[in-house]
């Protein structure tokens, strides 16, 4: 946990305000000695190119941290698609939420859950 907190601090110094959340086995408590620490980093300063995002959040001083970089608009899109990673983020261990995005993810996900039956048909109106 300390390693993930230190990692989030390092990335925040590099990128400015971020949201950082531990997901996966570490957040569920079923990790083992060989588990890495999956940390979602959400930042508007991440590059558009997904491969370049990894460069922006890589850290040689935290080799056990596996970063998952997202831009806020990517997180919103995934929430609207009800992607499982969003549920993991919402239920994960929040290291920092400088962007106040966690409540927004919950709202977007809930909104889409309500709309889902209508959006599955071509005749339904999404409002």
Foldseek 3Di string as FASTA:
>chain_A
DVLQLVLVVVLCVQQPAWWKWWFDCVQVVNDDPPAATEIEIEGQPADPDLVSNCVSSDDPVRVSYDYDYDYLVRLLVCLLVVPPVLVRRLSTHTSDHRVPCSVVSVVSNVLSVVCVVQVVDPPRDRD
